[in-house]
């Protein structure tokens, strides 16, 4: 099913006196890996607001398989994939005290005012939007960028189960290689939020950055352009 490309909309300013958040997208393969605990520990120790965006992981893979078997359209598959992300949001939030699920910008902001980590469950905010491309071209990678733009985040980190090479990455090449979704390069331009790629072995430097030891340094990640 063809659909319009997801567009970034008016950025919502953080509440007065509140630091601008960052968005951290956890790839589905990371959620299934032995490295998940280290990433969650780094996020839990962050000294400023964080929104975690879990990918759909194995649950989204099952949606793809069911679509192939049963033959339902992309509109249904898109909503089912969003629900897969919702379920993994609850799973991730259940793994650490101080992680809470938020479905809207207001709930995410409320979590930050309470000093806890927000984990985004996207269905309520995204499912009925007419400006979202409801196909497999656009998945949780682009949704994380879109959310980052909406909430005025300073940056968006994509954590993948790959070995990062260098400190620069090309969005189009990442999309061609299946590292990010096909819509990601255009979303990156529209969102206006710096995006960075992290991989295996980057947890310690990432944790130090989130803890405020060197919050503006991104040498531990690949800047995506």
N, C-alpha and C. Protein backbone atom coordinates (compact mmCIF):
# COMPACT_ATOMS: atom_id res chain seq x y z
N UNK A 1 0.84 -1.19 0.00
CA UNK A 1 0.00 0.00 0.00
C UNK A 1 0.87 1.24 0.00
N UNK A 2 0.73 2.08 -1.01
CA UNK A 2 1.51 3.31 -1.06
C UNK A 2 0.97 4.27 -0.03
N UNK A 3 1.82 5.15 0.42
CA UNK A 3 1.38 6.13 1.40
C UNK A 3 2.32 7.29 1.43
N UNK A 4 1.91 8.41 1.98
CA UNK A 4 2.77 9.57 2.05
C UNK A 4 3.94 9.33 2.98
N UNK A 5 5.03 10.00 2.70
CA UNK A 5 6.21 9.88 3.54
C UNK A 5 5.94 10.57 4.87
N UNK A 6 6.46 10.00 5.92
CA UNK A 6 6.32 10.60 7.25
C UNK A 6 7.00 11.95 7.28
N UNK A 7 6.31 12.94 7.79
CA UNK A 7 6.85 14.28 7.86
C UNK A 7 7.09 14.69 9.30
N UNK A 8 8.16 15.42 9.51
CA UNK A 8 8.37 16.02 10.82
C UNK A 8 7.43 17.20 10.97
N UNK A 9 6.96 17.44 12.18
CA UNK A 9 6.02 18.54 12.42
C UNK A 9 6.62 19.52 13.41
N UNK A 10 5.83 20.46 13.83
CA UNK A 10 6.30 21.50 14.73
C UNK A 10 6.94 20.89 15.97
N UNK A 11 8.13 21.36 16.27
CA UNK A 11 8.83 20.84 17.44
C UNK A 11 8.19 21.39 18.71
N UNK A 12 8.03 20.53 19.68
CA UNK A 12 7.44 20.94 20.94
C UNK A 12 8.55 21.27 21.92
N UNK A 13 8.53 22.46 22.47
CA UNK A 13 9.58 22.88 23.38
C UNK A 13 9.45 22.14 24.71
N UNK A 14 10.58 21.74 25.32
CA UNK A 14 10.52 21.13 26.64
C UNK A 14 9.98 22.14 27.65
N UNK A 15 9.47 21.62 28.75
CA UNK A 15 8.95 22.50 29.79
C UNK A 15 10.06 23.41 30.31
N UNK A 16 9.67 24.57 30.80
CA UNK A 16 10.63 25.55 31.30
C UNK A 16 11.52 24.92 32.37
N UNK A 17 12.82 25.16 32.23
CA UNK A 17 13.76 24.65 33.21
C UNK A 17 14.18 23.21 33.00
N UNK A 18 13.59 22.52 32.03
CA UNK A 18 13.92 21.12 31.78
C UNK A 18 14.91 21.02 30.63
N UNK A 19 15.94 20.21 30.82
CA UNK A 19 16.91 19.99 29.75
C UNK A 19 16.23 19.31 28.57
N UNK A 20 16.71 19.61 27.37
CA UNK A 20 16.17 18.95 26.19
C UNK A 20 16.56 17.48 26.21
N UNK A 21 15.66 16.60 25.79
CA UNK A 21 15.93 15.17 25.87
C UNK A 21 16.79 14.68 24.71
N UNK A 22 17.25 13.45 24.82
CA UNK A 22 17.80 12.72 23.69
C UNK A 22 16.91 11.51 23.46
N UNK A 23 16.94 11.00 22.24
CA UNK A 23 16.20 9.79 21.89
C UNK A 23 17.20 8.68 21.62
N UNK A 24 16.94 7.51 22.18
CA UNK A 24 17.79 6.34 21.98
C UNK A 24 16.94 5.22 21.40
N UNK A 25 17.24 4.85 20.17
CA UNK A 25 16.50 3.78 19.51
C UNK A 25 17.25 2.46 19.69
N UNK A 26 16.62 1.49 20.31
CA UNK A 26 17.21 0.17 20.51
C UNK A 26 16.75 -0.75 19.38
N UNK A 27 17.69 -1.22 18.58
CA UNK A 27 17.34 -2.13 17.50
C UNK A 27 16.78 -3.44 18.03
N UNK A 28 15.93 -4.04 17.23
CA UNK A 28 15.32 -5.31 17.65
C UNK A 28 16.35 -6.38 17.93
N UNK A 29 17.44 -6.40 17.16
CA UNK A 29 18.48 -7.41 17.40
C UNK A 29 19.21 -7.14 18.70
N UNK A 30 19.32 -5.87 19.09
CA UNK A 30 19.95 -5.53 20.37
C UNK A 30 19.10 -6.04 21.52
N UNK A 31 17.78 -5.90 21.39
CA UNK A 31 16.88 -6.34 22.44
C UNK A 31 16.99 -7.84 22.67
N UNK A 32 17.31 -8.57 21.61
CA UNK A 32 17.44 -10.03 21.72
C UNK A 32 18.86 -10.46 22.07
N UNK A 33 19.77 -9.53 22.25
CA UNK A 33 21.18 -9.87 22.44
C UNK A 33 21.58 -9.86 23.90
N UNK A 34 22.76 -10.38 24.17
CA UNK A 34 23.30 -10.36 25.52
C UNK A 34 23.82 -9.00 25.93
N UNK A 35 23.84 -8.04 25.01
CA UNK A 35 24.34 -6.70 25.31
C UNK A 35 23.25 -5.75 25.82
N UNK A 36 22.00 -6.21 25.79
CA UNK A 36 20.91 -5.32 26.17
C UNK A 36 21.09 -4.75 27.58
N UNK A 37 21.47 -5.59 28.53
CA UNK A 37 21.59 -5.13 29.91
C UNK A 37 22.57 -3.98 30.04
N UNK A 38 23.70 -4.06 29.34
CA UNK A 38 24.70 -2.99 29.42
C UNK A 38 24.17 -1.68 28.84
N UNK A 39 23.42 -1.78 27.75
CA UNK A 39 22.83 -0.57 27.17
C UNK A 39 21.81 0.04 28.13
N UNK A 40 20.97 -0.80 28.73
CA UNK A 40 19.96 -0.28 29.66
C UNK A 40 20.61 0.33 30.90
N UNK A 41 21.70 -0.26 31.37
CA UNK A 41 22.42 0.31 32.51
C UNK A 41 22.94 1.70 32.18
N UNK A 42 23.46 1.86 30.97
CA UNK A 42 23.97 3.17 30.54
C UNK A 42 22.85 4.20 30.51
N UNK A 43 21.71 3.80 29.97
CA UNK A 43 20.57 4.71 29.88
C UNK A 43 20.05 5.06 31.27
N UNK A 44 19.99 4.07 32.15
CA UNK A 44 19.47 4.29 33.50
C UNK A 44 20.29 5.31 34.28
N UNK A 45 21.59 5.40 33.97
CA UNK A 45 22.48 6.30 34.69
C UNK A 45 22.56 7.69 34.06
N UNK A 46 21.77 7.94 33.04
CA UNK A 46 21.84 9.22 32.33
C UNK A 46 21.52 10.39 33.26
N UNK A 47 22.22 11.49 33.05
CA UNK A 47 22.02 12.67 33.89
C UNK A 47 21.04 13.66 33.29
N UNK A 48 20.49 13.35 32.13
CA UNK A 48 19.49 14.21 31.50
C UNK A 48 18.43 13.37 30.83
N UNK A 49 17.31 13.95 30.39
CA UNK A 49 16.15 13.17 29.95
C UNK A 49 16.44 12.29 28.74
N UNK A 50 15.95 11.06 28.81
CA UNK A 50 16.12 10.10 27.72
C UNK A 50 14.76 9.50 27.36
N UNK A 51 14.49 9.39 26.06
CA UNK A 51 13.36 8.62 25.57
C UNK A 51 13.91 7.42 24.81
N UNK A 52 13.54 6.23 25.25
CA UNK A 52 13.95 5.00 24.58
C UNK A 52 12.87 4.60 23.57
N UNK A 53 13.30 4.26 22.37
CA UNK A 53 12.39 3.77 21.33
C UNK A 53 12.80 2.35 20.95
N UNK A 54 12.12 1.33 21.48
CA UNK A 54 12.46 -0.04 21.11
C UNK A 54 11.94 -0.38 19.71
N UNK A 55 12.74 -1.10 18.95
CA UNK A 55 12.24 -1.62 17.68
C UNK A 55 11.25 -2.75 17.93
N UNK A 56 10.66 -3.23 16.85
CA UNK A 56 9.67 -4.29 16.99
C UNK A 56 10.26 -5.67 17.17
N UNK A 57 11.54 -5.84 16.80
CA UNK A 57 12.23 -7.09 17.04
C UNK A 57 11.55 -8.31 16.44
N UNK A 58 11.60 -9.39 17.19
CA UNK A 58 11.03 -10.66 16.72
C UNK A 58 9.52 -10.56 16.52
N UNK A 59 8.87 -9.68 17.28
CA UNK A 59 7.42 -9.54 17.13
C UNK A 59 7.08 -8.92 15.78
N UNK A 60 7.86 -7.94 15.35
CA UNK A 60 7.64 -7.36 14.03
C UNK A 60 7.98 -8.36 12.93
N UNK A 61 9.00 -9.18 13.16
CA UNK A 61 9.33 -10.24 12.20
C UNK A 61 8.16 -11.20 12.03
N UNK A 62 7.48 -11.48 13.12
CA UNK A 62 6.32 -12.37 13.06
C UNK A 62 5.18 -11.72 12.28
N UNK A 63 5.04 -10.40 12.40
CA UNK A 63 4.03 -9.70 11.61
C UNK A 63 4.32 -9.87 10.12
N UNK A 64 5.57 -9.71 9.74
CA UNK A 64 5.96 -9.90 8.33
C UNK A 64 5.61 -11.30 7.86
N UNK A 65 5.94 -12.30 8.70
CA UNK A 65 5.67 -13.68 8.32
C UNK A 65 4.17 -13.93 8.19
N UNK A 66 3.39 -13.39 9.13
CA UNK A 66 1.94 -13.56 9.07
C UNK A 66 1.35 -12.88 7.84
N UNK A 67 1.88 -11.71 7.49
CA UNK A 67 1.39 -11.02 6.30
C UNK A 67 1.64 -11.85 5.05
N UNK A 68 2.82 -12.46 4.99
CA UNK A 68 3.14 -13.31 3.84
C UNK A 68 2.22 -14.52 3.77
N UNK A 69 1.90 -15.09 4.92
CA UNK A 69 1.07 -16.30 4.96
C UNK A 69 -0.41 -15.99 4.74
N UNK A 70 -0.90 -14.96 5.42
CA UNK A 70 -2.34 -14.67 5.41
C UNK A 70 -2.75 -13.69 4.32
N UNK A 71 -1.83 -12.89 3.85
CA UNK A 71 -2.12 -12.01 2.74
C UNK A 71 -2.83 -10.72 3.07
N UNK A 72 -2.81 -10.28 4.33
CA UNK A 72 -3.44 -8.99 4.63
C UNK A 72 -2.53 -7.85 4.14
N UNK A 73 -3.12 -6.66 4.03
CA UNK A 73 -2.42 -5.53 3.43
C UNK A 73 -1.47 -4.81 4.36
N UNK A 74 -0.77 -3.83 3.78
CA UNK A 74 0.22 -3.08 4.54
C UNK A 74 -0.41 -2.21 5.63
N UNK A 75 -1.65 -1.77 5.41
CA UNK A 75 -2.30 -0.94 6.44
C UNK A 75 -2.42 -1.71 7.75
N UNK A 76 -2.88 -2.95 7.65
CA UNK A 76 -2.98 -3.78 8.85
C UNK A 76 -1.60 -4.12 9.39
N UNK A 77 -0.67 -4.45 8.50
CA UNK A 77 0.67 -4.82 8.94
C UNK A 77 1.35 -3.65 9.66
N UNK A 78 1.15 -2.45 9.16
CA UNK A 78 1.73 -1.26 9.78
C UNK A 78 1.25 -1.12 11.22
N UNK A 79 -0.04 -1.27 11.43
CA UNK A 79 -0.58 -1.14 12.78
C UNK A 79 -0.12 -2.28 13.68
N UNK A 80 -0.04 -3.47 13.13
CA UNK A 80 0.45 -4.60 13.92
C UNK A 80 1.91 -4.40 14.32
N UNK A 81 2.71 -3.83 13.41
CA UNK A 81 4.11 -3.57 13.73
C UNK A 81 4.24 -2.51 14.82
N UNK A 82 3.36 -1.51 14.79
CA UNK A 82 3.35 -0.52 15.87
C UNK A 82 3.00 -1.16 17.20
N UNK A 83 2.06 -2.09 17.17
CA UNK A 83 1.70 -2.81 18.40
C UNK A 83 2.86 -3.67 18.89
N UNK A 84 3.65 -4.20 17.95
CA UNK A 84 4.85 -4.95 18.35
C UNK A 84 5.81 -4.04 19.09
N UNK A 85 5.98 -2.82 18.61
CA UNK A 85 6.82 -1.86 19.32
C UNK A 85 6.25 -1.54 20.69
N UNK A 86 4.93 -1.40 20.77
CA UNK A 86 4.28 -1.16 22.07
C UNK A 86 4.61 -2.28 23.06
N UNK A 87 4.50 -3.52 22.60
CA UNK A 87 4.76 -4.65 23.49
C UNK A 87 6.20 -4.66 23.98
N UNK A 88 7.14 -4.36 23.09
CA UNK A 88 8.53 -4.34 23.52
C UNK A 88 8.84 -3.13 24.38
N UNK A 89 8.09 -2.05 24.21
CA UNK A 89 8.24 -0.92 25.13
C UNK A 89 7.91 -1.35 26.56
N UNK A 90 6.82 -2.10 26.70
CA UNK A 90 6.46 -2.60 28.03
C UNK A 90 7.50 -3.58 28.55
N UNK A 91 8.05 -4.40 27.67
CA UNK A 91 9.09 -5.35 28.09
C UNK A 91 10.33 -4.62 28.59
N UNK A 92 10.79 -3.64 27.82
CA UNK A 92 11.99 -2.89 28.21
C UNK A 92 11.74 -2.12 29.51
N UNK A 93 10.59 -1.47 29.62
CA UNK A 93 10.28 -0.72 30.83
C UNK A 93 10.22 -1.63 32.05
N UNK A 94 9.84 -2.88 31.83
CA UNK A 94 9.75 -3.83 32.94
C UNK A 94 11.08 -4.39 33.39
N UNK A 95 12.15 -4.06 32.67
CA UNK A 95 13.46 -4.61 32.99
C UNK A 95 14.28 -3.73 33.92
N UNK A 96 13.85 -2.49 34.12
CA UNK A 96 14.60 -1.57 34.98
C UNK A 96 13.64 -0.73 35.80
N UNK A 97 13.91 -0.57 37.11
CA UNK A 97 13.13 0.40 37.88
C UNK A 97 13.44 1.79 37.36
N UNK A 98 12.47 2.65 37.37
CA UNK A 98 12.71 3.99 36.86
C UNK A 98 12.55 4.13 35.37
N UNK A 99 12.06 3.08 34.69
CA UNK A 99 11.69 3.16 33.28
C UNK A 99 10.17 3.08 33.22
N UNK A 100 9.54 4.03 32.52
CA UNK A 100 8.08 4.01 32.42
C UNK A 100 7.67 4.18 30.96
N UNK A 101 6.56 3.57 30.59
CA UNK A 101 6.05 3.66 29.23
C UNK A 101 5.28 4.96 29.06
N UNK A 102 5.51 5.63 27.94
CA UNK A 102 4.75 6.81 27.57
C UNK A 102 4.25 6.66 26.15
N UNK A 103 3.01 7.09 25.90
CA UNK A 103 2.43 6.93 24.57
C UNK A 103 2.31 8.25 23.81
N UNK A 104 2.33 9.36 24.52
CA UNK A 104 2.16 10.68 23.90
C UNK A 104 3.29 11.59 24.36
N UNK A 105 3.40 12.75 23.70
CA UNK A 105 4.42 13.72 24.11
C UNK A 105 4.20 14.14 25.56
N UNK A 106 2.94 14.31 25.95
CA UNK A 106 2.64 14.74 27.32
C UNK A 106 3.10 13.70 28.33
N UNK A 107 2.89 12.43 28.03
CA UNK A 107 3.31 11.38 28.95
C UNK A 107 4.83 11.27 29.01
N UNK A 108 5.49 11.45 27.89
CA UNK A 108 6.96 11.41 27.88
C UNK A 108 7.52 12.56 28.70
N UNK A 109 6.95 13.74 28.53
CA UNK A 109 7.40 14.90 29.29
C UNK A 109 7.13 14.72 30.78
N UNK A 110 5.99 14.14 31.12
CA UNK A 110 5.66 13.90 32.53
C UNK A 110 6.67 12.95 33.16
N UNK A 111 7.09 11.94 32.42
CA UNK A 111 8.10 11.01 32.93
C UNK A 111 9.39 11.74 33.25
N UNK A 112 9.79 12.64 32.37
CA UNK A 112 11.03 13.38 32.60
C UNK A 112 10.91 14.32 33.79
N UNK A 113 9.75 14.91 33.98
CA UNK A 113 9.57 15.77 35.16
C UNK A 113 9.67 14.96 36.44
N UNK A 114 9.34 13.67 36.35
CA UNK A 114 9.44 12.79 37.52
C UNK A 114 10.84 12.21 37.68
N UNK A 115 11.74 12.52 36.75
CA UNK A 115 13.11 12.05 36.85
C UNK A 115 13.31 10.60 36.45
N UNK A 116 12.41 10.08 35.60
CA UNK A 116 12.54 8.69 35.17
C UNK A 116 12.76 8.63 33.66
N UNK A 117 13.17 7.47 33.17
CA UNK A 117 13.40 7.25 31.75
C UNK A 117 12.08 6.90 31.08
N UNK A 118 11.77 7.57 29.99
CA UNK A 118 10.55 7.30 29.24
C UNK A 118 10.83 6.29 28.13
N UNK A 119 9.94 5.33 27.96
CA UNK A 119 10.03 4.34 26.88
C UNK A 119 8.79 4.52 26.02
N UNK A 120 9.00 4.82 24.76
CA UNK A 120 7.88 5.20 23.89
C UNK A 120 7.18 4.00 23.30
N UNK A 121 5.86 3.94 23.50
CA UNK A 121 4.97 2.99 22.83
C UNK A 121 4.21 3.79 21.77
N UNK A 122 4.48 3.61 20.48
CA UNK A 122 4.06 4.57 19.46
C UNK A 122 2.63 4.45 18.94
N UNK A 123 1.94 3.36 19.21
CA UNK A 123 0.68 3.13 18.51
C UNK A 123 -0.30 4.29 18.66
N UNK A 124 -0.51 4.75 19.88
CA UNK A 124 -1.52 5.78 20.13
C UNK A 124 -1.22 7.08 19.38
N UNK A 125 0.04 7.41 19.24
CA UNK A 125 0.43 8.67 18.61
C UNK A 125 0.53 8.57 17.10
N UNK A 126 0.80 7.37 16.58
CA UNK A 126 1.17 7.22 15.18
C UNK A 126 0.11 6.54 14.32
N UNK A 127 -0.62 5.59 14.86
CA UNK A 127 -1.41 4.66 14.04
C UNK A 127 -2.39 5.34 13.10
N UNK A 128 -3.04 6.39 13.54
CA UNK A 128 -4.08 7.02 12.72
C UNK A 128 -3.61 8.25 11.96
N UNK A 129 -2.34 8.53 11.99
CA UNK A 129 -1.84 9.70 11.27
C UNK A 129 -1.92 9.45 9.76
N UNK A 130 -2.34 10.46 9.04
CA UNK A 130 -2.43 10.33 7.58
C UNK A 130 -1.14 10.74 6.89
N UNK A 131 -0.19 11.28 7.63
CA UNK A 131 1.07 11.70 7.05
C UNK A 131 2.19 10.68 7.29
N UNK A 132 1.80 9.48 7.66
CA UNK A 132 2.78 8.43 7.92
C UNK A 132 2.67 7.37 6.84
N UNK A 133 3.79 7.04 6.27
CA UNK A 133 3.83 6.01 5.24
C UNK A 133 3.63 4.65 5.90
N UNK A 134 2.51 4.03 5.63
CA UNK A 134 2.18 2.77 6.29
C UNK A 134 2.68 1.56 5.53
N UNK A 135 3.98 1.52 5.27
CA UNK A 135 4.59 0.38 4.58
C UNK A 135 5.85 -0.02 5.33
N UNK A 136 6.46 -1.10 4.88
CA UNK A 136 7.68 -1.58 5.51
C UNK A 136 8.89 -0.72 5.17
N UNK A 137 8.74 0.24 4.26
CA UNK A 137 9.83 1.17 3.97
C UNK A 137 10.17 2.03 5.20
N UNK A 138 9.18 2.24 6.04
CA UNK A 138 9.34 3.13 7.17
C UNK A 138 9.09 2.35 8.46
N UNK A 139 10.12 2.20 9.26
CA UNK A 139 10.00 1.40 10.48
C UNK A 139 10.47 2.22 11.68
N UNK A 140 10.87 1.54 12.72
CA UNK A 140 11.18 2.21 13.98
C UNK A 140 12.36 3.16 13.89
N UNK A 141 13.28 2.97 12.94
CA UNK A 141 14.40 3.91 12.79
C UNK A 141 13.88 5.30 12.46
N UNK A 142 13.05 5.39 11.42
CA UNK A 142 12.49 6.68 11.03
C UNK A 142 11.53 7.22 12.09
N UNK A 143 10.79 6.35 12.74
CA UNK A 143 9.88 6.81 13.79
C UNK A 143 10.65 7.43 14.95
N UNK A 144 11.81 6.89 15.27
CA UNK A 144 12.63 7.47 16.34
C UNK A 144 13.07 8.88 15.98
N UNK A 145 13.47 9.08 14.73
CA UNK A 145 13.86 10.41 14.27
C UNK A 145 12.68 11.38 14.30
N UNK A 146 11.53 10.89 13.85
CA UNK A 146 10.33 11.72 13.84
C UNK A 146 9.97 12.17 15.26
N UNK A 147 10.02 11.24 16.19
CA UNK A 147 9.73 11.59 17.58
C UNK A 147 10.75 12.59 18.10
N UNK A 148 12.02 12.37 17.79
CA UNK A 148 13.06 13.29 18.24
C UNK A 148 12.78 14.71 17.78
N UNK A 149 12.32 14.84 16.55
CA UNK A 149 11.98 16.16 16.02
C UNK A 149 10.79 16.76 16.76
N UNK A 150 9.78 15.96 17.00
CA UNK A 150 8.56 16.46 17.67
C UNK A 150 8.82 16.96 19.08
N UNK A 151 9.67 16.28 19.81
CA UNK A 151 9.87 16.63 21.22
C UNK A 151 11.06 17.56 21.43
N UNK A 152 11.68 18.01 20.33
CA UNK A 152 12.80 18.93 20.46
C UNK A 152 14.06 18.30 21.02
N UNK A 153 14.30 17.03 20.70
CA UNK A 153 15.49 16.34 21.20
C UNK A 153 16.76 16.92 20.59
N UNK A 154 17.85 16.84 21.34
CA UNK A 154 19.12 17.37 20.85
C UNK A 154 19.78 16.42 19.86
N UNK A 155 19.50 15.12 19.98
CA UNK A 155 20.10 14.13 19.09
C UNK A 155 19.33 12.83 19.19
N UNK A 156 19.60 11.96 18.23
CA UNK A 156 18.96 10.64 18.19
C UNK A 156 20.05 9.60 17.97
N UNK A 157 20.17 8.67 18.91
CA UNK A 157 21.14 7.58 18.79
C UNK A 157 20.43 6.33 18.30
N UNK A 158 21.03 5.66 17.33
CA UNK A 158 20.54 4.36 16.86
C UNK A 158 21.52 3.30 17.31
N UNK A 159 21.06 2.39 18.16
CA UNK A 159 21.92 1.32 18.67
C UNK A 159 21.61 0.04 17.91
N UNK A 160 22.63 -0.50 17.25
CA UNK A 160 22.47 -1.68 16.40
C UNK A 160 23.45 -2.77 16.83
N UNK A 161 23.11 -4.01 16.50
CA UNK A 161 24.01 -5.13 16.77
C UNK A 161 24.99 -5.31 15.61
N UNK A 162 25.81 -4.28 15.42
CA UNK A 162 26.83 -4.31 14.38
C UNK A 162 28.14 -3.82 14.99
N UNK A 163 29.22 -4.03 14.28
CA UNK A 163 30.49 -3.46 14.69
C UNK A 163 30.66 -2.14 13.94
N UNK A 164 30.59 -1.05 14.67
CA UNK A 164 30.68 0.27 14.05
C UNK A 164 32.06 0.48 13.44
N UNK A 165 32.09 1.13 12.28
CA UNK A 165 33.36 1.44 11.61
C UNK A 165 33.50 2.95 11.48
N UNK A 166 34.42 3.53 12.23
CA UNK A 166 34.68 4.95 12.11
C UNK A 166 33.65 5.82 12.81
N UNK A 167 33.78 7.14 12.57
CA UNK A 167 32.92 8.10 13.24
C UNK A 167 32.00 8.84 12.27
N UNK A 168 31.88 8.31 11.06
CA UNK A 168 30.95 8.87 10.09
C UNK A 168 30.24 7.74 9.36
N UNK A 169 28.98 7.97 9.03
CA UNK A 169 28.19 6.97 8.30
C UNK A 169 27.28 7.69 7.32
N UNK A 170 27.07 7.09 6.17
CA UNK A 170 26.21 7.66 5.15
C UNK A 170 24.83 7.04 5.24
N UNK A 171 23.80 7.88 5.36
CA UNK A 171 22.44 7.38 5.56
C UNK A 171 21.98 6.52 4.41
N UNK A 172 22.27 6.95 3.18
CA UNK A 172 21.84 6.17 2.01
C UNK A 172 22.51 4.81 1.98
N UNK A 173 23.79 4.76 2.32
CA UNK A 173 24.49 3.48 2.34
C UNK A 173 23.96 2.57 3.45
N UNK A 174 23.64 3.16 4.59
CA UNK A 174 23.06 2.36 5.68
C UNK A 174 21.72 1.77 5.25
N UNK A 175 20.92 2.56 4.54
CA UNK A 175 19.63 2.07 4.07
C UNK A 175 19.81 0.96 3.04
N UNK A 176 20.75 1.14 2.12
CA UNK A 176 21.02 0.13 1.10
C UNK A 176 21.51 -1.17 1.73
N UNK A 177 22.24 -1.05 2.83
CA UNK A 177 22.75 -2.23 3.51
C UNK A 177 21.78 -2.86 4.49
N UNK A 178 20.59 -2.28 4.62
CA UNK A 178 19.60 -2.83 5.53
C UNK A 178 19.85 -2.52 6.99
N UNK A 179 20.77 -1.59 7.26
CA UNK A 179 21.05 -1.21 8.65
C UNK A 179 19.95 -0.31 9.20
N UNK A 180 19.43 0.58 8.34
CA UNK A 180 18.28 1.42 8.70
C UNK A 180 17.21 1.23 7.64
N UNK A 181 16.01 1.72 7.89
CA UNK A 181 14.93 1.54 6.93
C UNK A 181 15.09 2.45 5.71
N UNK A 182 14.36 2.12 4.66
CA UNK A 182 14.52 2.82 3.39
C UNK A 182 14.12 4.29 3.45
N UNK A 183 13.21 4.63 4.35
CA UNK A 183 12.75 6.02 4.46
C UNK A 183 13.68 6.87 5.31
N UNK A 184 14.65 6.26 5.96
CA UNK A 184 15.48 6.98 6.93
C UNK A 184 16.25 8.16 6.32
N UNK A 185 16.89 8.02 5.15
CA UNK A 185 17.65 9.16 4.62
C UNK A 185 16.80 10.42 4.43
N UNK A 186 15.60 10.27 3.89
CA UNK A 186 14.75 11.45 3.71
C UNK A 186 14.25 11.97 5.05
N UNK A 187 13.95 11.07 5.99
CA UNK A 187 13.50 11.51 7.30
C UNK A 187 14.59 12.27 8.03
N UNK A 188 15.84 11.85 7.84
CA UNK A 188 16.96 12.52 8.49
C UNK A 188 17.04 13.98 8.04
N UNK A 189 16.82 14.21 6.76
CA UNK A 189 16.85 15.58 6.24
C UNK A 189 15.68 16.40 6.78
N UNK A 190 14.52 15.79 6.86
CA UNK A 190 13.32 16.51 7.30
C UNK A 190 13.32 16.79 8.80
N UNK A 191 13.84 15.85 9.57
CA UNK A 191 13.73 15.96 11.03
C UNK A 191 14.60 17.08 11.59
N UNK A 192 15.77 17.28 10.99
CA UNK A 192 16.66 18.32 11.49
C UNK A 192 17.27 18.00 12.84
N UNK A 193 17.38 16.72 13.17
CA UNK A 193 17.96 16.27 14.43
C UNK A 193 19.23 15.47 14.13
N UNK A 194 20.36 15.79 14.75
CA UNK A 194 21.57 15.00 14.52
C UNK A 194 21.36 13.55 14.94
N UNK A 195 21.81 12.63 14.09
CA UNK A 195 21.65 11.20 14.37
C UNK A 195 23.01 10.53 14.40
N UNK A 196 23.14 9.55 15.28
CA UNK A 196 24.40 8.86 15.47
C UNK A 196 24.17 7.36 15.57
N UNK A 197 25.11 6.60 15.02
CA UNK A 197 25.04 5.15 15.02
C UNK A 197 26.01 4.59 16.05
N UNK A 198 25.53 3.67 16.88
CA UNK A 198 26.37 2.97 17.84
C UNK A 198 26.25 1.48 17.60
N UNK A 199 27.30 0.75 18.00
CA UNK A 199 27.31 -0.69 17.80
C UNK A 199 27.95 -1.42 18.96
N UNK A 200 28.33 -2.65 18.71
CA UNK A 200 28.92 -3.48 19.76
C UNK A 200 30.18 -2.83 20.33
N UNK A 201 30.30 -2.87 21.63
CA UNK A 201 31.49 -2.34 22.28
C UNK A 201 31.46 -0.86 22.57
N UNK A 202 30.39 -0.17 22.21
CA UNK A 202 30.31 1.28 22.44
C UNK A 202 29.63 1.64 23.76
N UNK A 203 29.26 0.64 24.54
CA UNK A 203 28.45 0.92 25.73
C UNK A 203 29.16 1.79 26.75
N UNK A 204 30.44 1.53 27.01
CA UNK A 204 31.13 2.24 28.08
C UNK A 204 31.25 3.73 27.77
N UNK A 205 31.67 4.06 26.56
CA UNK A 205 31.80 5.47 26.19
C UNK A 205 30.43 6.14 26.14
N UNK A 206 29.44 5.41 25.68
CA UNK A 206 28.07 5.93 25.64
C UNK A 206 27.59 6.23 27.05
N UNK A 207 27.85 5.32 27.98
CA UNK A 207 27.44 5.52 29.37
C UNK A 207 28.11 6.76 29.95
N UNK A 208 29.39 6.95 29.66
CA UNK A 208 30.10 8.12 30.18
C UNK A 208 29.49 9.41 29.65
N UNK A 209 29.11 9.40 28.38
CA UNK A 209 28.48 10.58 27.79
C UNK A 209 27.14 10.87 28.44
N UNK A 210 26.31 9.84 28.59
CA UNK A 210 24.99 10.04 29.18
C UNK A 210 25.08 10.48 30.64
N UNK A 211 26.14 10.05 31.32
CA UNK A 211 26.30 10.42 32.72
C UNK A 211 26.80 11.85 32.88
N UNK A 212 27.12 12.49 31.74
CA UNK A 212 27.52 13.89 31.79
C UNK A 212 29.00 14.11 31.88
N UNK A 213 29.81 13.03 31.79
CA UNK A 213 31.25 13.20 31.87
C UNK A 213 31.80 13.92 30.65
N UNK A 214 31.16 13.72 29.51
CA UNK A 214 31.55 14.41 28.28
C UNK A 214 30.34 14.44 27.37
N UNK A 215 29.31 15.14 27.82
CA UNK A 215 27.99 15.02 27.21
C UNK A 215 27.95 15.46 25.76
N UNK A 216 28.85 16.37 25.36
CA UNK A 216 28.81 16.88 23.99
C UNK A 216 29.71 16.11 23.05
N UNK A 217 30.47 15.18 23.56
CA UNK A 217 31.38 14.41 22.70
C UNK A 217 30.63 13.26 22.05
N UNK A 218 30.86 13.08 20.76
CA UNK A 218 30.20 11.99 20.04
C UNK A 218 31.22 11.15 19.29
N UNK A 219 32.49 11.19 19.72
CA UNK A 219 33.52 10.41 19.06
C UNK A 219 33.34 8.92 19.20
N UNK A 220 32.48 8.51 20.14
CA UNK A 220 32.22 7.09 20.35
C UNK A 220 31.14 6.58 19.40
N UNK A 221 30.59 7.45 18.56
CA UNK A 221 29.49 7.08 17.68
C UNK A 221 29.78 7.58 16.27
N UNK A 222 29.08 7.00 15.30
CA UNK A 222 29.23 7.44 13.91
C UNK A 222 28.14 8.45 13.58
N UNK A 223 28.53 9.66 13.25
CA UNK A 223 27.57 10.67 12.84
C UNK A 223 26.99 10.29 11.48
N UNK A 224 25.67 10.30 11.38
CA UNK A 224 25.00 9.89 10.14
C UNK A 224 24.64 11.12 9.33
N UNK A 225 25.03 11.11 8.07
CA UNK A 225 24.73 12.24 7.19
C UNK A 225 24.24 11.73 5.85
